[in-house]
N, C-alpha and C. Protein backbone atom coordinates (compact mmCIF):
# COMPACT_ATOMS: atom_id res chain seq x y z
N UNK A 1 4.28 23.37 6.11
CA UNK A 1 4.80 22.92 7.38
C UNK A 1 5.00 21.41 7.30
N UNK A 2 6.16 20.96 7.74
CA UNK A 2 6.45 19.53 7.83
C UNK A 2 6.43 19.14 9.29
N UNK A 3 5.72 18.06 9.58
CA UNK A 3 5.57 17.60 10.95
C UNK A 3 5.52 16.08 10.98
N UNK A 4 5.65 15.51 12.17
CA UNK A 4 5.48 14.06 12.31
C UNK A 4 4.02 13.72 12.00
N UNK A 5 3.85 12.62 11.31
CA UNK A 5 2.51 12.17 10.97
C UNK A 5 1.84 11.53 12.19
N UNK A 6 0.53 11.58 12.21
CA UNK A 6 -0.27 10.97 13.26
C UNK A 6 -1.20 9.93 12.61
N UNK A 7 -1.81 9.07 13.41
CA UNK A 7 -2.74 8.09 12.83
C UNK A 7 -3.87 8.74 12.02
N UNK A 8 -4.25 9.95 12.36
CA UNK A 8 -5.30 10.64 11.62
C UNK A 8 -4.87 10.97 10.19
N UNK A 9 -3.56 10.96 9.92
CA UNK A 9 -3.05 11.27 8.58
C UNK A 9 -3.07 10.07 7.64
N UNK A 10 -3.30 8.87 8.16
CA UNK A 10 -3.22 7.67 7.32
C UNK A 10 -4.13 7.75 6.09
N UNK A 11 -5.39 8.14 6.22
CA UNK A 11 -6.22 8.21 5.00
C UNK A 11 -5.65 9.15 3.94
N UNK A 12 -5.12 10.29 4.35
CA UNK A 12 -4.57 11.24 3.39
C UNK A 12 -3.29 10.70 2.73
N UNK A 13 -2.44 10.06 3.53
CA UNK A 13 -1.21 9.46 2.98
C UNK A 13 -1.59 8.35 2.01
N UNK A 14 -2.52 7.48 2.41
CA UNK A 14 -2.96 6.38 1.54
C UNK A 14 -3.58 6.91 0.26
N UNK A 15 -4.28 8.03 0.34
CA UNK A 15 -4.87 8.63 -0.86
C UNK A 15 -3.78 9.08 -1.84
N UNK A 16 -2.68 9.59 -1.33
CA UNK A 16 -1.55 9.95 -2.20
C UNK A 16 -1.00 8.69 -2.86
N UNK A 17 -0.79 7.64 -2.06
CA UNK A 17 -0.31 6.38 -2.64
C UNK A 17 -1.26 5.90 -3.74
N UNK A 18 -2.56 5.94 -3.47
CA UNK A 18 -3.54 5.46 -4.44
C UNK A 18 -3.52 6.31 -5.72
N UNK A 19 -3.37 7.61 -5.57
CA UNK A 19 -3.32 8.49 -6.75
C UNK A 19 -2.10 8.16 -7.61
N UNK A 20 -0.98 7.85 -6.96
CA UNK A 20 0.23 7.47 -7.70
C UNK A 20 0.02 6.12 -8.38
N UNK A 21 -0.59 5.15 -7.65
CA UNK A 21 -0.90 3.86 -8.26
C UNK A 21 -1.82 4.04 -9.47
N UNK A 22 -2.83 4.90 -9.35
CA UNK A 22 -3.75 5.16 -10.46
C UNK A 22 -2.99 5.64 -11.70
N UNK A 23 -2.09 6.60 -11.51
CA UNK A 23 -1.34 7.15 -12.63
C UNK A 23 -0.40 6.11 -13.23
N UNK A 24 0.21 5.30 -12.39
CA UNK A 24 1.10 4.27 -12.91
C UNK A 24 0.31 3.24 -13.72
N UNK A 25 -0.82 2.82 -13.19
CA UNK A 25 -1.65 1.84 -13.89
C UNK A 25 -2.19 2.39 -15.20
N UNK A 26 -2.37 3.69 -15.28
CA UNK A 26 -2.84 4.33 -16.51
C UNK A 26 -1.70 4.62 -17.48
N UNK A 27 -0.46 4.31 -17.08
CA UNK A 27 0.69 4.56 -17.93
C UNK A 27 1.14 6.00 -17.98
N UNK A 28 0.67 6.81 -17.03
CA UNK A 28 1.01 8.24 -17.01
C UNK A 28 2.19 8.55 -16.09
N UNK A 29 2.64 7.57 -15.34
CA UNK A 29 3.74 7.76 -14.40
C UNK A 29 4.43 6.41 -14.25
N UNK A 30 5.74 6.42 -14.04
CA UNK A 30 6.47 5.18 -13.81
C UNK A 30 7.23 5.29 -12.51
N UNK A 31 6.77 4.55 -11.52
CA UNK A 31 7.41 4.55 -10.21
C UNK A 31 7.96 3.17 -9.89
N UNK A 32 7.21 2.13 -10.27
CA UNK A 32 7.64 0.77 -10.01
C UNK A 32 7.01 0.15 -8.78
N UNK A 33 5.93 0.76 -8.29
CA UNK A 33 5.22 0.21 -7.13
C UNK A 33 4.11 -0.70 -7.61
N UNK A 34 3.50 -1.44 -6.65
CA UNK A 34 2.35 -2.29 -6.96
C UNK A 34 1.24 -2.05 -5.96
N UNK A 35 0.07 -1.74 -6.49
CA UNK A 35 -1.09 -1.53 -5.63
C UNK A 35 -1.34 -2.78 -4.78
N UNK A 36 -1.62 -2.57 -3.52
CA UNK A 36 -1.90 -3.67 -2.61
C UNK A 36 -0.64 -4.32 -2.06
N UNK A 37 0.52 -3.97 -2.61
CA UNK A 37 1.80 -4.53 -2.14
C UNK A 37 2.62 -3.45 -1.46
N UNK A 38 2.91 -2.37 -2.20
CA UNK A 38 3.71 -1.29 -1.65
C UNK A 38 3.55 -0.05 -2.51
N UNK A 39 3.40 1.09 -1.88
CA UNK A 39 3.05 1.30 -0.47
C UNK A 39 1.54 1.24 -0.27
N UNK A 40 1.17 1.00 0.97
CA UNK A 40 -0.24 0.86 1.34
C UNK A 40 -0.52 1.67 2.60
N UNK A 41 -1.77 1.72 2.99
CA UNK A 41 -2.11 2.37 4.26
C UNK A 41 -1.35 1.71 5.41
N UNK A 42 -1.15 0.40 5.32
CA UNK A 42 -0.39 -0.32 6.35
C UNK A 42 1.07 0.17 6.39
N UNK A 43 1.64 0.48 5.23
CA UNK A 43 2.99 1.04 5.17
C UNK A 43 3.05 2.32 6.00
N UNK A 44 2.06 3.17 5.82
CA UNK A 44 2.00 4.43 6.57
C UNK A 44 1.78 4.18 8.06
N UNK A 45 0.88 3.25 8.38
CA UNK A 45 0.59 2.96 9.79
C UNK A 45 1.84 2.49 10.52
N UNK A 46 2.59 1.60 9.91
CA UNK A 46 3.82 1.08 10.53
C UNK A 46 4.81 2.21 10.77
N UNK A 47 4.98 3.07 9.78
CA UNK A 47 5.93 4.19 9.92
C UNK A 47 5.47 5.17 10.99
N UNK A 48 4.18 5.42 11.07
CA UNK A 48 3.66 6.33 12.09
C UNK A 48 3.88 5.74 13.48
N UNK A 49 3.60 4.45 13.62
CA UNK A 49 3.83 3.80 14.92
C UNK A 49 5.29 3.84 15.31
N UNK A 50 6.19 3.78 14.32
CA UNK A 50 7.63 3.85 14.61
C UNK A 50 8.08 5.28 14.91
N UNK A 51 7.22 6.24 14.61
CA UNK A 51 7.54 7.64 14.89
C UNK A 51 8.43 8.30 13.86
N UNK A 52 8.52 7.72 12.65
CA UNK A 52 9.43 8.29 11.66
C UNK A 52 8.76 8.63 10.32
N UNK A 53 7.45 8.79 10.35
CA UNK A 53 6.71 9.25 9.16
C UNK A 53 6.44 10.74 9.33
N UNK A 54 6.68 11.47 8.26
CA UNK A 54 6.46 12.91 8.27
C UNK A 54 5.52 13.29 7.14
N UNK A 55 4.77 14.37 7.35
CA UNK A 55 3.90 14.90 6.31
C UNK A 55 4.17 16.38 6.13
N UNK A 56 3.94 16.83 4.92
CA UNK A 56 3.99 18.26 4.60
C UNK A 56 2.55 18.69 4.42
N UNK A 57 2.16 19.66 5.21
CA UNK A 57 0.80 20.21 5.12
C UNK A 57 0.83 21.52 4.37
N UNK A 58 -0.15 21.71 3.53
CA UNK A 58 -0.34 22.98 2.86
C UNK A 58 -1.82 23.32 2.96
N UNK A 59 -2.11 24.44 3.53
CA UNK A 59 -3.49 24.90 3.67
C UNK A 59 -4.36 23.85 4.37
N UNK A 60 -3.77 23.21 5.40
CA UNK A 60 -4.51 22.26 6.22
C UNK A 60 -4.66 20.87 5.66
N UNK A 61 -4.06 20.61 4.49
CA UNK A 61 -4.19 19.25 3.93
C UNK A 61 -2.80 18.65 3.72
N UNK A 62 -2.74 17.33 3.81
CA UNK A 62 -1.49 16.61 3.59
C UNK A 62 -1.20 16.62 2.10
N UNK A 63 -0.07 17.20 1.72
CA UNK A 63 0.32 17.32 0.32
C UNK A 63 1.46 16.39 -0.04
N UNK A 64 2.23 15.94 0.96
CA UNK A 64 3.39 15.09 0.70
C UNK A 64 3.71 14.31 1.97
N UNK A 65 4.44 13.22 1.79
CA UNK A 65 4.84 12.42 2.94
C UNK A 65 6.15 11.71 2.66
N UNK A 66 6.82 11.31 3.73
CA UNK A 66 8.05 10.52 3.61
C UNK A 66 8.38 9.92 4.96
N UNK A 67 9.09 8.83 4.89
CA UNK A 67 9.60 8.19 6.11
C UNK A 67 11.10 8.50 6.17
N UNK A 68 11.56 8.92 7.34
CA UNK A 68 12.97 9.26 7.52
C UNK A 68 13.46 8.55 8.77
N UNK A 69 14.48 7.72 8.60
CA UNK A 69 15.06 7.01 9.74
C UNK A 69 16.48 6.54 9.41
N UNK A 70 17.01 5.67 10.24
CA UNK A 70 18.37 5.17 10.00
C UNK A 70 18.37 3.75 9.45
N UNK A 71 17.23 3.28 8.98
CA UNK A 71 17.11 1.89 8.52
C UNK A 71 17.54 1.75 7.07
N UNK A 72 18.69 1.10 6.88
CA UNK A 72 19.18 0.83 5.54
C UNK A 72 18.74 -0.58 5.14
N UNK A 73 18.23 -0.72 3.95
CA UNK A 73 17.80 -2.03 3.46
C UNK A 73 18.99 -2.98 3.45
N UNK A 74 18.76 -4.28 3.67
CA UNK A 74 19.87 -5.23 3.62
C UNK A 74 20.65 -5.15 2.30
N UNK A 75 19.97 -4.87 1.20
CA UNK A 75 20.64 -4.77 -0.09
C UNK A 75 21.67 -3.64 -0.13
N UNK A 76 21.55 -2.67 0.76
CA UNK A 76 22.52 -1.57 0.80
C UNK A 76 23.93 -2.07 1.05
N UNK A 77 24.07 -3.23 1.69
CA UNK A 77 25.40 -3.78 1.98
C UNK A 77 26.16 -4.10 0.69
N UNK A 78 25.45 -4.26 -0.42
CA UNK A 78 26.07 -4.58 -1.71
C UNK A 78 26.47 -3.34 -2.51
N UNK A 79 26.09 -2.18 -2.05
CA UNK A 79 26.31 -0.95 -2.82
C UNK A 79 27.72 -0.42 -2.58
N UNK A 80 28.43 -0.04 -3.64
CA UNK A 80 29.75 0.58 -3.47
C UNK A 80 29.60 2.08 -3.15
N UNK A 81 29.19 2.36 -1.92
CA UNK A 81 28.94 3.73 -1.51
C UNK A 81 30.19 4.59 -1.67
N UNK A 82 29.99 5.84 -2.06
CA UNK A 82 31.10 6.79 -2.20
C UNK A 82 31.56 7.30 -0.84
N UNK A 83 30.64 7.36 0.12
CA UNK A 83 30.95 7.89 1.43
C UNK A 83 30.87 6.76 2.46
N UNK A 84 32.01 6.40 3.00
CA UNK A 84 32.04 5.40 4.05
C UNK A 84 31.39 6.00 5.29
N UNK A 85 30.54 5.23 5.94
CA UNK A 85 29.86 5.76 7.13
C UNK A 85 29.36 4.60 7.98
N UNK A 86 29.46 4.78 9.28
CA UNK A 86 28.85 3.83 10.21
C UNK A 86 27.33 4.03 10.16
N UNK A 87 26.61 3.05 10.61
CA UNK A 87 25.15 3.14 10.60
C UNK A 87 24.62 4.34 11.34
N UNK A 88 25.30 4.74 12.41
CA UNK A 88 24.82 5.89 13.19
C UNK A 88 25.17 7.23 12.55
N UNK A 89 25.83 7.19 11.40
CA UNK A 89 26.16 8.41 10.67
C UNK A 89 25.28 8.61 9.43
N UNK A 90 24.33 7.69 9.23
CA UNK A 90 23.51 7.70 8.02
C UNK A 90 22.05 7.95 8.35
N UNK A 91 21.42 8.79 7.54
CA UNK A 91 19.98 9.00 7.62
C UNK A 91 19.41 8.63 6.25
N UNK A 92 18.29 7.89 6.25
CA UNK A 92 17.71 7.37 5.02
C UNK A 92 16.31 7.94 4.81
N UNK A 93 16.04 8.35 3.58
CA UNK A 93 14.72 8.84 3.19
C UNK A 93 14.03 7.72 2.42
N UNK A 94 12.81 7.38 2.85
CA UNK A 94 12.04 6.32 2.21
C UNK A 94 10.70 6.87 1.71
N UNK A 95 10.30 6.42 0.56
CA UNK A 95 8.94 6.63 0.05
C UNK A 95 8.50 8.09 0.10
N UNK A 96 9.31 8.94 -0.48
CA UNK A 96 8.91 10.35 -0.62
C UNK A 96 7.80 10.43 -1.66
N UNK A 97 6.65 10.96 -1.25
CA UNK A 97 5.52 11.10 -2.17
C UNK A 97 4.97 12.51 -2.12
N UNK A 98 4.49 12.95 -3.25
CA UNK A 98 3.76 14.22 -3.35
C UNK A 98 2.45 13.90 -4.05
N UNK A 99 1.37 14.44 -3.54
CA UNK A 99 0.07 14.24 -4.19
C UNK A 99 0.19 14.69 -5.64
N UNK A 100 -0.09 13.82 -6.60
CA UNK A 100 0.07 14.19 -8.01
C UNK A 100 -0.67 15.47 -8.40
N UNK A 101 -1.82 15.70 -7.83
CA UNK A 101 -2.57 16.92 -8.16
C UNK A 101 -1.87 18.18 -7.67
N UNK A 102 -0.90 18.01 -6.78
CA UNK A 102 -0.20 19.15 -6.21
C UNK A 102 1.28 19.20 -6.62
N UNK A 103 1.65 18.41 -7.61
CA UNK A 103 3.05 18.40 -8.02
C UNK A 103 3.43 19.73 -8.67
N UNK A 104 4.73 20.00 -8.67
CA UNK A 104 5.23 21.22 -9.27
C UNK A 104 5.22 22.42 -8.35
N UNK A 105 4.89 22.21 -7.08
CA UNK A 105 4.84 23.32 -6.13
C UNK A 105 6.05 23.37 -5.19
N UNK A 106 7.04 22.51 -5.45
CA UNK A 106 8.25 22.53 -4.64
C UNK A 106 8.18 21.70 -3.37
N UNK A 107 7.16 20.86 -3.23
CA UNK A 107 7.02 20.08 -2.00
C UNK A 107 8.14 19.05 -1.83
N UNK A 108 8.55 18.41 -2.92
CA UNK A 108 9.65 17.44 -2.82
C UNK A 108 10.93 18.16 -2.40
N UNK A 109 11.17 19.33 -2.98
CA UNK A 109 12.36 20.11 -2.60
C UNK A 109 12.31 20.48 -1.12
N UNK A 110 11.13 20.90 -0.63
CA UNK A 110 10.99 21.24 0.78
C UNK A 110 11.27 20.03 1.66
N UNK A 111 10.81 18.85 1.24
CA UNK A 111 11.06 17.63 2.01
C UNK A 111 12.54 17.30 2.04
N UNK A 112 13.21 17.45 0.90
CA UNK A 112 14.64 17.18 0.87
C UNK A 112 15.39 18.15 1.78
N UNK A 113 14.99 19.41 1.80
CA UNK A 113 15.63 20.38 2.69
C UNK A 113 15.41 20.00 4.16
N UNK A 114 14.19 19.58 4.49
CA UNK A 114 13.87 19.13 5.84
C UNK A 114 14.74 17.93 6.22
N UNK A 115 14.86 16.99 5.30
CA UNK A 115 15.67 15.79 5.50
C UNK A 115 17.13 16.16 5.75
N UNK A 116 17.66 17.04 4.96
CA UNK A 116 19.05 17.46 5.13
C UNK A 116 19.25 18.22 6.44
N UNK A 117 18.30 19.07 6.79
CA UNK A 117 18.38 19.79 8.07
C UNK A 117 18.31 18.82 9.25
N UNK A 118 17.44 17.82 9.15
CA UNK A 118 17.32 16.82 10.20
C UNK A 118 18.64 16.04 10.35
N UNK A 119 19.28 15.73 9.24
CA UNK A 119 20.57 15.04 9.30
C UNK A 119 21.61 15.89 10.03
N UNK A 120 21.65 17.17 9.72
CA UNK A 120 22.60 18.05 10.39
C UNK A 120 22.30 18.13 11.89
N UNK A 121 21.02 18.28 12.23
CA UNK A 121 20.63 18.40 13.64
C UNK A 121 20.94 17.15 14.44
N UNK A 122 20.93 16.00 13.80
CA UNK A 122 21.15 14.74 14.50
C UNK A 122 22.57 14.20 14.30
N UNK A 123 23.44 14.99 13.67
CA UNK A 123 24.84 14.58 13.50
C UNK A 123 25.04 13.41 12.55
N UNK A 124 24.25 13.37 11.51
CA UNK A 124 24.35 12.29 10.51
C UNK A 124 24.77 12.92 9.17
N UNK A 125 26.05 12.86 8.85
CA UNK A 125 26.54 13.56 7.66
C UNK A 125 26.26 12.87 6.33
N UNK A 126 25.80 11.62 6.35
CA UNK A 126 25.58 10.90 5.09
C UNK A 126 24.09 10.61 4.92
N UNK A 127 23.57 11.03 3.77
CA UNK A 127 22.17 10.82 3.42
C UNK A 127 22.10 9.75 2.34
N UNK A 128 21.17 8.83 2.49
CA UNK A 128 20.98 7.79 1.47
C UNK A 128 19.52 7.70 1.09
N UNK A 129 19.31 7.46 -0.21
CA UNK A 129 17.98 7.37 -0.81
C UNK A 129 18.06 6.25 -1.84
N UNK A 130 16.96 5.54 -2.02
CA UNK A 130 16.90 4.59 -3.12
C UNK A 130 15.62 4.83 -3.91
N UNK A 131 15.66 4.41 -5.16
CA UNK A 131 14.48 4.48 -6.01
C UNK A 131 14.58 3.41 -7.07
N UNK A 132 13.46 3.02 -7.59
CA UNK A 132 13.41 2.06 -8.67
C UNK A 132 14.09 2.67 -9.90
N UNK A 133 14.90 1.89 -10.59
CA UNK A 133 15.58 2.40 -11.79
C UNK A 133 14.58 2.92 -12.82
N UNK A 134 13.36 2.39 -12.80
CA UNK A 134 12.32 2.83 -13.73
C UNK A 134 11.81 4.24 -13.42
N UNK A 135 12.08 4.72 -12.21
CA UNK A 135 11.55 6.01 -11.79
C UNK A 135 12.52 7.14 -12.20
N UNK A 136 12.53 7.42 -13.47
CA UNK A 136 13.45 8.43 -14.02
C UNK A 136 13.21 9.81 -13.42
N UNK A 137 11.96 10.15 -13.14
CA UNK A 137 11.66 11.47 -12.59
C UNK A 137 12.30 11.65 -11.22
N UNK A 138 12.20 10.64 -10.36
CA UNK A 138 12.81 10.75 -9.03
C UNK A 138 14.33 10.81 -9.14
N UNK A 139 14.89 9.98 -9.98
CA UNK A 139 16.36 9.98 -10.15
C UNK A 139 16.85 11.35 -10.58
N UNK A 140 16.17 11.96 -11.52
CA UNK A 140 16.57 13.28 -12.01
C UNK A 140 16.40 14.34 -10.92
N UNK A 141 15.30 14.26 -10.18
CA UNK A 141 15.06 15.23 -9.12
C UNK A 141 16.13 15.14 -8.04
N UNK A 142 16.45 13.92 -7.63
CA UNK A 142 17.49 13.76 -6.60
C UNK A 142 18.84 14.25 -7.12
N UNK A 143 19.16 13.96 -8.37
CA UNK A 143 20.43 14.42 -8.95
C UNK A 143 20.49 15.95 -8.96
N UNK A 144 19.39 16.60 -9.29
CA UNK A 144 19.36 18.08 -9.28
C UNK A 144 19.65 18.64 -7.89
N UNK A 145 19.38 17.85 -6.86
CA UNK A 145 19.61 18.30 -5.49
C UNK A 145 20.92 17.77 -4.90
N UNK A 146 21.80 17.30 -5.77
CA UNK A 146 23.14 16.94 -5.33
C UNK A 146 23.36 15.49 -4.91
N UNK A 147 22.38 14.63 -5.12
CA UNK A 147 22.54 13.22 -4.78
C UNK A 147 23.22 12.51 -5.94
N UNK A 148 24.19 11.67 -5.61
CA UNK A 148 24.91 10.93 -6.64
C UNK A 148 24.49 9.46 -6.60
N UNK A 149 24.45 8.86 -7.79
CA UNK A 149 24.12 7.44 -7.87
C UNK A 149 25.37 6.63 -7.56
N UNK A 150 25.28 5.80 -6.54
CA UNK A 150 26.42 5.00 -6.12
C UNK A 150 26.35 3.56 -6.60
N UNK A 151 25.20 3.12 -7.01
CA UNK A 151 25.08 1.77 -7.52
C UNK A 151 23.64 1.38 -7.75
N UNK A 152 23.47 0.39 -8.60
CA UNK A 152 22.15 -0.19 -8.87
C UNK A 152 22.23 -1.67 -8.56
N UNK A 153 21.33 -2.13 -7.71
CA UNK A 153 21.37 -3.53 -7.29
C UNK A 153 20.03 -4.20 -7.54
N UNK A 154 20.06 -5.43 -8.03
CA UNK A 154 18.82 -6.18 -8.20
C UNK A 154 18.36 -6.70 -6.84
N UNK A 155 17.07 -6.60 -6.57
CA UNK A 155 16.58 -7.07 -5.28
C UNK A 155 15.06 -7.23 -5.32
N UNK A 156 14.53 -7.79 -4.23
CA UNK A 156 13.09 -7.74 -4.00
C UNK A 156 12.88 -6.54 -3.10
N UNK A 157 12.05 -5.62 -3.54
CA UNK A 157 11.84 -4.37 -2.82
C UNK A 157 10.45 -4.36 -2.20
N UNK A 158 10.40 -4.46 -0.87
CA UNK A 158 9.13 -4.40 -0.15
C UNK A 158 8.06 -5.30 -0.77
N UNK A 159 8.45 -6.52 -1.10
CA UNK A 159 7.51 -7.48 -1.66
C UNK A 159 7.37 -7.44 -3.17
N UNK A 160 8.10 -6.56 -3.84
CA UNK A 160 8.04 -6.46 -5.30
C UNK A 160 9.31 -7.10 -5.86
N UNK A 161 9.20 -8.25 -6.53
CA UNK A 161 10.40 -8.92 -7.05
C UNK A 161 10.94 -8.24 -8.30
N UNK A 162 12.23 -8.50 -8.57
CA UNK A 162 12.84 -8.06 -9.81
C UNK A 162 13.07 -6.57 -9.94
N UNK A 163 13.28 -5.89 -8.83
CA UNK A 163 13.50 -4.44 -8.86
C UNK A 163 15.00 -4.15 -9.03
N UNK A 164 15.30 -3.22 -9.92
CA UNK A 164 16.66 -2.67 -10.01
C UNK A 164 16.64 -1.41 -9.15
N UNK A 165 17.26 -1.50 -7.99
CA UNK A 165 17.21 -0.42 -7.02
C UNK A 165 18.42 0.50 -7.20
N UNK A 166 18.14 1.76 -7.51
CA UNK A 166 19.20 2.75 -7.67
C UNK A 166 19.43 3.39 -6.30
N UNK A 167 20.66 3.29 -5.83
CA UNK A 167 21.00 3.82 -4.52
C UNK A 167 21.80 5.09 -4.68
N UNK A 168 21.33 6.14 -4.01
CA UNK A 168 21.94 7.46 -4.15
C UNK A 168 22.35 7.97 -2.79
N UNK A 169 23.30 8.89 -2.78
CA UNK A 169 23.75 9.44 -1.51
C UNK A 169 24.23 10.87 -1.67
N UNK A 170 24.34 11.51 -0.52
CA UNK A 170 24.82 12.89 -0.46
C UNK A 170 25.45 13.10 0.90
N UNK A 171 26.47 13.91 0.92
CA UNK A 171 27.11 14.25 2.19
C UNK A 171 26.71 15.68 2.54
N UNK A 172 26.34 15.86 3.81
CA UNK A 172 26.01 17.21 4.28
C UNK A 172 26.97 17.57 5.41
N UNK A 173 27.28 18.82 5.47
CA UNK A 173 28.17 19.31 6.53
C UNK A 173 27.32 19.94 7.63
N UNK A 174 27.79 19.79 8.86
CA UNK A 174 27.08 20.33 10.02
C UNK A 174 27.02 21.80 10.00
């Protein structure tokens, strides 16, 4: 079940972030995040307060999370998007995470389906996602689900300098 996150979910969301940071620091995963910089429990708190953080629960525990809203990063203005769209026609997925211990169960796919359904329900035909160029696993997963890479831009990403941000998009029909 995917639902809006509540303040009570912050520890579970932060635990997912920490598990991903642990794997990256051990060299077992490459995402391009920095512990203590992004993402953090504060990242989750801000998104929950904004009302746009969602969690996927499985058997009563938070297994995945993502922020979904219409906020495009300023760097998006530099991307040669394939689909022209006004801001009110775009829905953006941020910081999709799955608890590493629970990976391989289709949770990311379920989140992408939820995201696409939400776009249709809200009349937003263009979906945009970004990921660090170093995150080959995410890039491949998004490509398998029909997202195309529209450009890679150098930027500071949520306090992390020197990021090559891969911007991807997909068009959905109502």
